[in-house]
Amino acid sequence: MDDKNDDGLRVHGEQKVREENNCRMKELLRENGIEFESIKGTYQERLEREMELIGSTFAIKF
């Protein structure tokens, strides 16, 4: 496992199962008209982008 994906949760479940669950979740969101953004990058990059999205959605400044 490389640092890019090391958020401490990747050890739970097989890769195939996680990928299937991820695809199904995205499918459900689309079916229900729920907007989402897939975030990629290092742990730090994902955290920063998540904070940006939450901040802009809920008018919160971190």
Protein backbone atom coordinates (compact mmCIF):
# COMPACT_ATOMS: atom_id res chain seq x y z
CA MET A 1 0.00 0.00 0.00
CA ASP A 2 1.36 3.43 -0.83
CA ASP A 3 1.07 6.60 1.25
CA LYS A 4 -1.31 8.10 -1.30
CA ASN A 5 -4.14 5.89 -0.08
CA ASP A 6 -3.09 5.33 3.50
CA ASP A 7 -5.87 6.80 5.58
CA GLY A 8 -5.94 3.94 8.06
CA LEU A 9 -9.13 2.43 6.63
CA ARG A 10 -7.82 0.54 3.61
CA VAL A 11 -7.05 -2.53 5.67
CA HIS A 12 -10.76 -3.24 6.21
CA GLY A 13 -12.25 -5.44 3.54
CA GLU A 14 -10.98 -6.75 0.28
CA GLN A 15 -10.19 -4.35 -2.55
CA LYS A 16 -12.84 -5.88 -4.81
CA VAL A 17 -15.55 -5.52 -2.15
CA ARG A 18 -14.59 -1.89 -1.44
CA GLU A 19 -14.67 -1.08 -5.17
CA GLU A 20 -18.08 -2.73 -5.61
CA ASN A 21 -19.46 -0.83 -2.60
CA ASN A 22 -18.02 2.42 -3.94
CA CYS A 23 -19.63 1.88 -7.36
CA ARG A 24 -22.97 1.01 -5.79
CA MET A 25 -22.90 4.07 -3.53
CA LYS A 26 -22.21 6.36 -6.50
CA GLU A 27 -24.99 4.66 -8.44
CA LEU A 28 -27.45 5.25 -5.59
CA LEU A 29 -26.43 8.89 -5.29
CA ARG A 30 -26.93 9.45 -9.03
CA GLU A 31 -30.29 7.64 -9.02
CA ASN A 32 -31.48 9.96 -6.27
CA GLY A 33 -30.14 13.15 -7.84
CA ILE A 34 -27.59 13.73 -5.10
CA GLU A 35 -24.53 15.66 -6.17
CA PHE A 36 -21.16 14.41 -5.01
CA GLU A 37 -17.50 14.81 -5.80
CA SER A 38 -14.99 12.00 -5.77
CA ILE A 39 -11.84 13.20 -4.07
CA LYS A 40 -8.42 11.76 -4.87
CA GLY A 41 -4.91 12.42 -3.70
CA THR A 42 -2.89 12.00 -0.57
CA TYR A 43 -4.55 11.95 2.80
CA GLN A 44 -3.64 15.62 3.29
CA GLU A 45 -4.89 16.64 -0.17
CA ARG A 46 -8.20 14.85 0.36
CA LEU A 47 -8.62 16.39 3.82
CA GLU A 48 -8.00 19.89 2.50
CA ARG A 49 -10.47 19.42 -0.38
CA GLU A 50 -13.09 18.01 1.97
CA MET A 51 -12.69 21.01 4.23
CA GLU A 52 -13.09 23.33 1.23
CA LEU A 53 -16.28 21.58 0.14
CA ILE A 54 -17.78 21.51 3.62
CA GLY A 55 -16.83 25.12 4.21
CA SER A 56 -18.39 26.33 0.96
CA THR A 57 -21.51 24.21 1.42
CA PHE A 58 -22.21 25.27 5.00
CA ALA A 59 -20.49 28.67 5.08
CA ILE A 60 -17.93 27.46 7.61
CA LYS A 61 -14.42 28.80 7.78
CA PHE A 62 -11.77 26.41 9.08
